[in-house]
N, C-alpha and C. Protein backbone atom coordinates (compact mmCIF):
# COMPACT_ATOMS: atom_id res chain seq x y z
N MET A 1 12.09 -16.37 31.87
CA MET A 1 10.84 -16.04 31.32
C MET A 1 11.03 -14.54 30.65
N ALA A 2 10.70 -14.57 29.37
CA ALA A 2 10.95 -13.26 28.62
C ALA A 2 9.76 -12.14 28.98
N LYS A 3 10.20 -10.94 29.16
CA LYS A 3 9.18 -9.87 29.45
C LYS A 3 8.49 -9.53 28.07
N GLU A 4 7.07 -9.45 28.31
CA GLU A 4 6.16 -9.05 27.10
C GLU A 4 6.25 -7.66 26.96
N LYS A 5 6.46 -7.25 25.56
CA LYS A 5 6.36 -5.85 25.30
C LYS A 5 4.97 -5.23 25.29
N PRO A 6 4.39 -4.18 25.87
CA PRO A 6 3.15 -3.87 25.69
C PRO A 6 2.79 -3.41 24.19
N ARG A 7 1.72 -3.54 23.82
CA ARG A 7 1.35 -3.09 22.38
C ARG A 7 1.36 -1.59 22.22
N LYS A 8 1.89 -1.17 21.29
CA LYS A 8 1.97 0.48 20.99
C LYS A 8 0.79 0.88 20.00
N LEU A 9 -0.14 1.71 20.63
CA LEU A 9 -1.14 2.15 19.85
C LEU A 9 -0.77 3.16 18.73
N ILE A 10 -1.11 3.02 17.60
CA ILE A 10 -0.74 3.84 16.57
C ILE A 10 -2.01 4.93 16.13
N SER A 11 -3.10 4.27 16.11
CA SER A 11 -4.43 5.10 15.83
C SER A 11 -5.57 4.32 16.36
N ASN A 12 -6.50 5.01 16.79
CA ASN A 12 -7.85 4.51 17.23
C ASN A 12 -8.98 5.18 16.60
N ASN A 13 -10.21 4.65 16.66
CA ASN A 13 -11.39 5.17 16.03
C ASN A 13 -12.45 5.26 17.12
N LYS A 14 -12.32 6.47 17.64
CA LYS A 14 -13.25 6.65 18.99
C LYS A 14 -14.75 6.86 18.39
N LYS A 15 -14.80 7.29 17.14
CA LYS A 15 -16.09 7.51 16.48
C LYS A 15 -16.87 6.12 16.38
N ALA A 16 -16.09 5.21 16.12
CA ALA A 16 -16.91 3.83 15.81
C ALA A 16 -17.64 3.42 17.02
N TYR A 17 -17.08 3.63 18.36
CA TYR A 17 -17.72 3.40 19.48
C TYR A 17 -19.12 4.08 19.75
N PHE A 18 -19.14 5.34 19.24
CA PHE A 18 -20.09 6.23 19.24
C PHE A 18 -21.17 5.91 18.30
N ASP A 19 -20.90 5.51 17.06
CA ASP A 19 -21.78 5.35 15.98
C ASP A 19 -22.34 3.90 15.90
N TYR A 20 -21.71 2.87 16.66
CA TYR A 20 -22.04 1.53 16.44
C TYR A 20 -21.86 0.68 17.71
N PHE A 21 -22.85 -0.32 17.88
CA PHE A 21 -22.73 -1.34 18.93
C PHE A 21 -21.70 -2.30 18.43
N ILE A 22 -20.51 -2.67 19.01
CA ILE A 22 -19.60 -3.58 18.70
C ILE A 22 -19.91 -4.95 19.30
N GLU A 23 -20.41 -5.93 18.29
CA GLU A 23 -20.72 -7.15 18.77
C GLU A 23 -19.59 -8.10 19.04
N GLU A 24 -18.57 -8.29 17.94
CA GLU A 24 -17.52 -9.01 18.15
C GLU A 24 -16.25 -8.31 17.71
N LYS A 25 -15.02 -8.70 18.24
CA LYS A 25 -13.94 -8.15 17.81
C LYS A 25 -12.85 -9.18 17.35
N TYR A 26 -12.09 -8.83 16.31
CA TYR A 26 -11.03 -9.67 15.67
C TYR A 26 -9.84 -8.84 15.38
N GLU A 27 -8.62 -9.56 15.61
CA GLU A 27 -7.42 -8.98 15.38
C GLU A 27 -6.89 -9.48 13.94
N ALA A 28 -6.49 -8.64 13.25
CA ALA A 28 -6.05 -9.00 11.87
C ALA A 28 -4.72 -8.26 11.52
N GLY A 29 -3.93 -8.98 10.80
CA GLY A 29 -2.69 -8.36 10.24
C GLY A 29 -3.02 -7.47 9.04
N ILE A 30 -2.05 -6.59 8.59
CA ILE A 30 -2.38 -5.79 7.30
C ILE A 30 -1.08 -6.04 6.40
N SER A 31 -1.39 -6.18 5.14
CA SER A 31 -0.45 -6.47 4.20
C SER A 31 0.03 -5.06 3.78
N LEU A 32 1.29 -4.89 4.04
CA LEU A 32 1.95 -3.36 3.95
C LEU A 32 3.33 -3.52 3.19
N HIS A 33 3.67 -2.44 2.62
CA HIS A 33 4.98 -2.31 1.99
C HIS A 33 5.86 -1.84 3.00
N GLY A 34 7.28 -1.83 2.76
CA GLY A 34 8.31 -1.35 3.77
C GLY A 34 8.20 0.05 4.23
N THR A 35 8.03 0.96 3.44
CA THR A 35 7.91 2.38 3.82
C THR A 35 6.68 2.67 4.60
N GLU A 36 5.62 1.81 4.33
CA GLU A 36 4.28 2.09 5.08
C GLU A 36 4.57 1.69 6.49
N VAL A 37 5.27 0.71 6.76
CA VAL A 37 5.59 0.00 8.09
C VAL A 37 6.49 1.11 8.84
N LYS A 38 7.40 1.67 8.27
CA LYS A 38 8.24 2.79 8.83
C LYS A 38 7.41 3.98 9.23
N SER A 39 6.48 4.26 8.36
CA SER A 39 5.71 5.45 8.62
C SER A 39 4.70 5.12 9.73
N MET A 40 4.21 3.91 9.82
CA MET A 40 3.26 3.49 10.94
C MET A 40 4.04 3.46 12.33
N ARG A 41 5.35 3.07 12.24
CA ARG A 41 6.21 3.03 13.52
C ARG A 41 6.27 4.49 14.16
N MET A 42 6.37 5.43 13.19
CA MET A 42 6.38 6.80 13.48
C MET A 42 4.85 7.40 13.96
N GLY A 43 3.91 6.55 13.89
CA GLY A 43 2.60 7.01 14.40
C GLY A 43 1.83 7.75 13.24
N LYS A 44 2.16 7.60 11.91
CA LYS A 44 1.45 8.46 10.90
C LYS A 44 0.43 7.64 10.14
N CYS A 45 -0.64 7.42 10.84
CA CYS A 45 -1.73 6.46 10.33
C CYS A 45 -3.05 7.15 10.86
N SER A 46 -4.22 7.07 9.98
CA SER A 46 -5.53 7.43 10.48
C SER A 46 -6.49 6.33 9.91
N ILE A 47 -7.41 6.11 10.80
CA ILE A 47 -8.52 5.23 10.40
C ILE A 47 -9.91 5.84 10.43
N LYS A 48 -9.85 7.16 10.58
CA LYS A 48 -11.18 7.85 10.96
C LYS A 48 -12.35 7.69 9.97
N GLU A 49 -11.79 7.69 8.59
CA GLU A 49 -12.77 7.60 7.46
C GLU A 49 -12.69 6.30 6.91
N SER A 50 -12.15 5.31 7.41
CA SER A 50 -11.90 4.10 6.63
C SER A 50 -13.10 3.07 6.91
N TYR A 51 -13.25 2.20 6.15
CA TYR A 51 -14.31 1.00 6.31
C TYR A 51 -13.65 -0.15 5.66
N ILE A 52 -14.29 -1.20 5.87
CA ILE A 52 -13.93 -2.66 5.53
C ILE A 52 -14.93 -3.45 4.77
N LYS A 53 -14.49 -4.06 3.68
CA LYS A 53 -15.40 -4.92 2.82
C LYS A 53 -14.77 -6.23 2.65
N ILE A 54 -15.62 -7.19 2.42
CA ILE A 54 -15.16 -8.49 2.04
C ILE A 54 -15.53 -8.68 0.50
N GLU A 55 -14.53 -8.90 -0.24
CA GLU A 55 -14.67 -9.01 -1.69
C GLU A 55 -13.73 -10.29 -2.19
N GLY A 56 -14.41 -11.24 -2.75
CA GLY A 56 -13.87 -12.40 -3.28
C GLY A 56 -13.09 -13.28 -2.28
N GLY A 57 -13.64 -13.20 -1.10
CA GLY A 57 -13.01 -14.17 -0.03
C GLY A 57 -11.86 -13.42 0.71
N GLU A 58 -11.62 -12.09 0.29
CA GLU A 58 -10.57 -11.33 1.04
C GLU A 58 -11.17 -10.18 1.62
N VAL A 59 -10.52 -9.88 2.89
CA VAL A 59 -11.05 -8.63 3.65
C VAL A 59 -10.16 -7.42 3.30
N LEU A 60 -10.67 -6.33 2.75
CA LEU A 60 -9.97 -5.18 2.32
C LEU A 60 -10.39 -4.02 3.16
N ILE A 61 -9.40 -3.18 3.39
CA ILE A 61 -9.65 -1.95 4.24
C ILE A 61 -9.53 -0.79 3.19
N TYR A 62 -10.54 0.07 3.24
CA TYR A 62 -10.51 1.27 2.25
C TYR A 62 -10.45 2.55 3.12
N GLY A 63 -9.82 3.50 2.59
CA GLY A 63 -9.72 4.92 3.12
C GLY A 63 -8.75 4.98 4.32
N MET A 64 -7.92 3.94 4.58
CA MET A 64 -7.04 4.09 5.69
C MET A 64 -5.85 5.02 5.22
N HIS A 65 -5.53 6.02 5.91
CA HIS A 65 -4.41 6.89 5.46
C HIS A 65 -3.17 6.59 6.09
N VAL A 66 -2.14 6.32 5.41
CA VAL A 66 -0.76 6.22 5.94
C VAL A 66 0.09 7.17 5.23
N SER A 67 0.57 8.06 6.02
CA SER A 67 1.26 9.30 5.48
C SER A 67 2.56 8.62 4.83
N PRO A 68 3.12 9.20 3.61
CA PRO A 68 4.24 8.79 3.05
C PRO A 68 5.44 8.97 3.95
N TYR A 69 6.43 7.98 4.06
CA TYR A 69 7.58 8.14 4.88
C TYR A 69 8.45 9.22 4.28
N GLU A 70 9.04 10.02 5.09
CA GLU A 70 9.84 11.15 4.55
C GLU A 70 11.04 10.63 3.83
N LYS A 71 11.62 9.62 4.22
CA LYS A 71 12.93 9.17 3.47
C LYS A 71 12.62 7.99 2.40
N GLY A 72 11.33 7.89 2.14
CA GLY A 72 10.95 6.82 1.29
C GLY A 72 11.13 6.99 -0.20
N ASN A 73 11.41 8.20 -0.59
CA ASN A 73 11.47 8.65 -2.07
C ASN A 73 10.49 7.87 -2.99
N ILE A 74 11.11 7.12 -4.00
CA ILE A 74 10.27 6.43 -4.98
C ILE A 74 9.47 5.16 -4.38
N PHE A 75 9.89 4.82 -3.31
CA PHE A 75 9.26 3.63 -2.75
C PHE A 75 7.96 3.81 -1.98
N ASN A 76 7.71 4.90 -1.83
CA ASN A 76 6.40 5.52 -1.10
C ASN A 76 5.21 4.92 -2.15
N LYS A 77 4.17 4.44 -1.43
CA LYS A 77 2.97 4.09 -2.06
C LYS A 77 1.90 5.13 -1.81
N ASP A 78 0.73 5.01 -2.67
CA ASP A 78 -0.44 5.98 -2.40
C ASP A 78 -0.96 5.90 -1.01
N PRO A 79 -1.01 7.10 -0.35
CA PRO A 79 -1.41 6.98 1.06
C PRO A 79 -2.78 6.33 1.39
N LEU A 80 -3.69 6.49 0.42
CA LEU A 80 -5.03 5.97 0.43
C LEU A 80 -5.35 4.64 -0.17
N ARG A 81 -4.26 3.91 -0.53
CA ARG A 81 -4.60 2.73 -1.38
C ARG A 81 -5.34 1.64 -0.44
N THR A 82 -5.97 0.79 -1.22
CA THR A 82 -6.66 -0.35 -0.62
C THR A 82 -5.62 -1.39 -0.08
N ARG A 83 -5.91 -1.84 1.12
CA ARG A 83 -5.00 -2.78 1.85
C ARG A 83 -5.64 -3.83 2.13
N LYS A 84 -5.01 -5.16 2.06
CA LYS A 84 -5.53 -6.47 2.42
C LYS A 84 -5.37 -6.79 3.84
N LEU A 85 -6.34 -7.13 4.46
CA LEU A 85 -6.23 -7.70 5.97
C LEU A 85 -6.07 -9.14 5.91
N LEU A 86 -5.23 -9.54 6.81
CA LEU A 86 -4.83 -11.00 6.96
C LEU A 86 -5.76 -11.73 8.18
N LEU A 87 -6.58 -12.50 7.77
CA LEU A 87 -7.42 -13.20 8.80
C LEU A 87 -7.55 -14.67 8.39
N HIS A 88 -7.84 -15.53 9.35
CA HIS A 88 -8.15 -16.86 8.94
C HIS A 88 -9.31 -17.13 8.19
N ARG A 89 -9.44 -18.15 7.34
CA ARG A 89 -10.51 -18.24 6.44
C ARG A 89 -11.91 -18.47 7.27
N ALA A 90 -11.85 -19.12 8.36
CA ALA A 90 -13.04 -19.25 9.17
C ALA A 90 -13.55 -17.89 9.77
N GLU A 91 -12.56 -17.09 10.14
CA GLU A 91 -12.90 -15.72 10.72
C GLU A 91 -13.55 -15.00 9.57
N ILE A 92 -13.03 -15.11 8.29
CA ILE A 92 -13.52 -14.39 7.23
C ILE A 92 -14.89 -14.83 6.89
N ARG A 93 -15.26 -16.23 7.07
CA ARG A 93 -16.49 -16.72 6.78
C ARG A 93 -17.62 -16.14 7.79
N LYS A 94 -17.10 -16.07 9.09
CA LYS A 94 -17.92 -15.57 10.20
C LYS A 94 -18.39 -14.10 9.89
N LEU A 95 -17.31 -13.37 9.66
CA LEU A 95 -17.55 -11.94 9.29
C LEU A 95 -18.52 -11.69 8.13
N ASP A 96 -18.39 -12.54 7.04
CA ASP A 96 -19.15 -12.48 5.88
C ASP A 96 -20.56 -12.86 6.21
N ALA A 97 -20.75 -13.81 7.07
CA ALA A 97 -22.19 -14.17 7.42
C ALA A 97 -22.78 -13.01 8.33
N GLY A 98 -22.05 -12.45 9.08
CA GLY A 98 -22.59 -11.40 9.96
C GLY A 98 -22.82 -10.11 9.26
N VAL A 99 -22.13 -9.84 8.16
CA VAL A 99 -22.40 -8.66 7.31
C VAL A 99 -23.62 -8.89 6.41
N LYS A 100 -24.04 -10.12 6.15
CA LYS A 100 -25.20 -10.25 5.41
C LYS A 100 -26.35 -10.12 6.17
N ILE A 101 -26.32 -10.12 7.47
CA ILE A 101 -27.43 -9.75 8.40
C ILE A 101 -27.71 -8.24 8.27
N LYS A 102 -29.03 -7.82 8.05
CA LYS A 102 -29.22 -6.34 7.93
C LYS A 102 -28.74 -5.59 9.06
N GLY A 103 -28.17 -4.37 8.78
CA GLY A 103 -27.65 -3.41 9.78
C GLY A 103 -26.28 -3.59 10.25
N TYR A 104 -25.59 -4.82 9.92
CA TYR A 104 -24.25 -5.09 10.36
C TYR A 104 -23.23 -4.65 9.44
N THR A 105 -22.01 -4.20 9.94
CA THR A 105 -20.98 -3.93 8.98
C THR A 105 -19.73 -4.15 9.75
N ILE A 106 -18.55 -4.07 9.09
CA ILE A 106 -17.25 -4.38 9.71
C ILE A 106 -16.61 -2.90 9.87
N VAL A 107 -16.05 -2.42 11.14
CA VAL A 107 -15.41 -1.21 11.16
C VAL A 107 -13.98 -1.44 11.84
N PRO A 108 -13.04 -0.73 11.52
CA PRO A 108 -11.86 -0.74 12.18
C PRO A 108 -11.76 0.06 13.37
N LEU A 109 -11.31 -0.56 14.54
CA LEU A 109 -11.30 0.10 15.87
C LEU A 109 -10.03 0.73 16.09
N GLU A 110 -8.82 -0.01 15.96
CA GLU A 110 -7.62 0.54 16.35
C GLU A 110 -6.59 -0.16 15.52
N VAL A 111 -5.41 0.47 15.32
CA VAL A 111 -4.20 0.03 14.56
C VAL A 111 -3.13 0.19 15.73
N TYR A 112 -2.30 -0.88 15.76
CA TYR A 112 -1.24 -0.99 16.86
C TYR A 112 -0.09 -1.90 16.44
N LEU A 113 1.09 -1.63 17.08
CA LEU A 113 2.29 -2.50 16.87
C LEU A 113 2.20 -3.50 18.03
N ASP A 114 2.24 -4.80 17.62
CA ASP A 114 2.37 -5.91 18.56
C ASP A 114 3.51 -6.89 18.11
N HIS A 115 4.63 -6.68 18.98
CA HIS A 115 5.73 -7.55 18.88
C HIS A 115 6.37 -7.13 17.46
N GLY A 116 6.35 -5.91 17.14
CA GLY A 116 6.97 -5.52 15.84
C GLY A 116 5.99 -5.62 14.63
N LEU A 117 4.89 -6.25 14.69
CA LEU A 117 3.97 -6.32 13.65
C LEU A 117 2.86 -5.45 13.83
N VAL A 118 2.43 -4.73 12.65
CA VAL A 118 1.30 -3.88 12.51
C VAL A 118 -0.04 -4.78 12.56
N LYS A 119 -0.88 -4.50 13.47
CA LYS A 119 -2.10 -5.17 13.62
C LYS A 119 -3.30 -4.16 13.57
N VAL A 120 -4.47 -4.64 13.26
CA VAL A 120 -5.72 -3.85 13.23
C VAL A 120 -6.81 -4.58 13.94
N LEU A 121 -7.34 -3.91 14.99
CA LEU A 121 -8.60 -4.53 15.71
C LEU A 121 -9.80 -4.11 14.97
N ILE A 122 -10.53 -5.13 14.39
CA ILE A 122 -11.72 -4.94 13.64
C ILE A 122 -12.95 -5.28 14.49
N GLY A 123 -14.13 -4.73 14.24
CA GLY A 123 -15.24 -5.15 14.95
C GLY A 123 -16.45 -5.26 14.17
N LEU A 124 -17.19 -6.46 14.34
CA LEU A 124 -18.49 -6.62 13.68
C LEU A 124 -19.49 -5.73 14.36
N ALA A 125 -20.10 -4.79 13.75
CA ALA A 125 -20.83 -3.77 14.49
C ALA A 125 -22.29 -3.55 13.90
N ARG A 126 -23.10 -3.22 14.82
CA ARG A 126 -24.46 -2.78 14.28
C ARG A 126 -24.76 -1.39 14.65
N GLY A 127 -25.25 -0.70 13.57
CA GLY A 127 -25.38 0.85 13.66
C GLY A 127 -26.36 1.17 14.76
N LYS A 128 -26.06 2.38 15.40
CA LYS A 128 -26.97 2.91 16.57
C LYS A 128 -27.85 3.84 15.71
N LYS A 129 -29.07 3.94 16.37
CA LYS A 129 -30.10 5.00 15.88
C LYS A 129 -29.82 6.19 16.77
N LEU A 130 -30.53 7.34 16.37
CA LEU A 130 -30.33 8.60 16.93
C LEU A 130 -30.45 8.47 18.47
N TYR A 131 -31.56 7.81 18.83
CA TYR A 131 -31.91 7.76 20.36
C TYR A 131 -30.85 6.84 21.15
N ASP A 132 -30.24 5.90 20.44
CA ASP A 132 -29.21 5.19 21.17
C ASP A 132 -27.94 6.08 21.32
N LYS A 133 -27.62 7.02 20.36
CA LYS A 133 -26.63 7.95 20.56
C LYS A 133 -26.86 8.78 21.77
N ARG A 134 -28.05 9.35 21.80
CA ARG A 134 -28.44 10.19 22.94
C ARG A 134 -28.28 9.44 24.27
N GLU A 135 -28.67 8.13 24.27
CA GLU A 135 -28.46 7.41 25.51
C GLU A 135 -26.98 7.32 25.88
N SER A 136 -26.12 7.21 24.79
CA SER A 136 -24.67 7.07 25.02
C SER A 136 -24.16 8.31 25.62
N ILE A 137 -24.60 9.43 25.16
CA ILE A 137 -24.22 10.81 25.63
C ILE A 137 -24.60 10.96 27.09
N ALA A 138 -25.90 10.55 27.43
CA ALA A 138 -26.38 10.77 28.75
C ALA A 138 -25.53 9.80 29.61
N GLU A 139 -25.24 8.54 29.28
CA GLU A 139 -24.45 7.59 30.06
C GLU A 139 -23.06 8.25 30.45
N LYS A 140 -22.42 8.82 29.41
CA LYS A 140 -21.12 9.46 29.64
C LYS A 140 -21.26 10.60 30.58
N ASP A 141 -22.26 11.48 30.47
CA ASP A 141 -22.53 12.51 31.32
C ASP A 141 -22.62 12.10 32.70
N ARG A 142 -23.45 11.05 32.98
CA ARG A 142 -23.72 10.49 34.35
C ARG A 142 -22.35 9.90 34.89
N LYS A 143 -21.50 9.08 34.05
CA LYS A 143 -20.25 8.72 34.59
C LYS A 143 -19.21 9.83 35.02
N ARG A 144 -19.22 10.87 34.13
CA ARG A 144 -18.35 12.04 34.43
C ARG A 144 -18.92 12.79 35.67
N GLU A 145 -20.11 12.97 35.87
CA GLU A 145 -20.73 13.57 37.14
C GLU A 145 -20.34 12.73 38.21
N GLU A 146 -20.56 11.31 38.19
CA GLU A 146 -20.13 10.63 39.34
C GLU A 146 -18.62 10.63 39.67
N GLU A 147 -17.81 10.65 38.68
CA GLU A 147 -16.33 10.79 38.98
C GLU A 147 -16.14 12.14 39.50
N ARG A 148 -16.70 13.23 39.17
CA ARG A 148 -16.54 14.55 39.72
C ARG A 148 -17.00 14.52 41.18
N ASN A 149 -18.24 13.96 41.53
CA ASN A 149 -18.73 13.85 42.82
C ASN A 149 -17.74 13.13 43.73
N PHE A 150 -17.21 11.98 43.19
CA PHE A 150 -16.27 11.01 43.95
C PHE A 150 -15.09 11.83 44.23
N ARG A 151 -14.40 12.56 43.32
CA ARG A 151 -13.19 13.46 43.47
C ARG A 151 -13.36 14.41 44.54
N ASP A 152 -14.64 15.03 44.42
CA ASP A 152 -14.86 16.15 45.44
C ASP A 152 -14.94 15.68 46.93
N ARG A 153 -15.60 14.49 47.07
CA ARG A 153 -15.68 13.96 48.50
C ARG A 153 -14.22 13.46 48.98
N SER A 154 -13.36 12.99 48.02
CA SER A 154 -12.02 12.60 48.64
C SER A 154 -11.09 13.61 49.14
């Protein structure tokens, strides 16, 4: 029985969980060039300002920053270029139907290496209102206070 390698987190988008209610999650591959993969293996990727759109039956990620590979010279691509996400056609249809509902969008949640392949976890999300964000902050504070009280008692 072969031992499974744990997935290595490259980048995550904590802000997405604060700004949106994540309804569904999907795992997608990313169409990358060689030097981009090497750069990602070194952890040089950011998805903080990135967003996802469906155009012409293809899922594209915009604003994902992959730093140029130091030894990549002429083979490096534009760090902010649009990249294609690899999903099954049925998943794309589900996402497209979800986005057409008012208030829903697709957001990247995290980028990671899974068995040597770069994957992105995307979520079908509904935007939070200001009062929802306040509730999230209050809930975090309550949990933090409970943890502190539990530690003090132990």
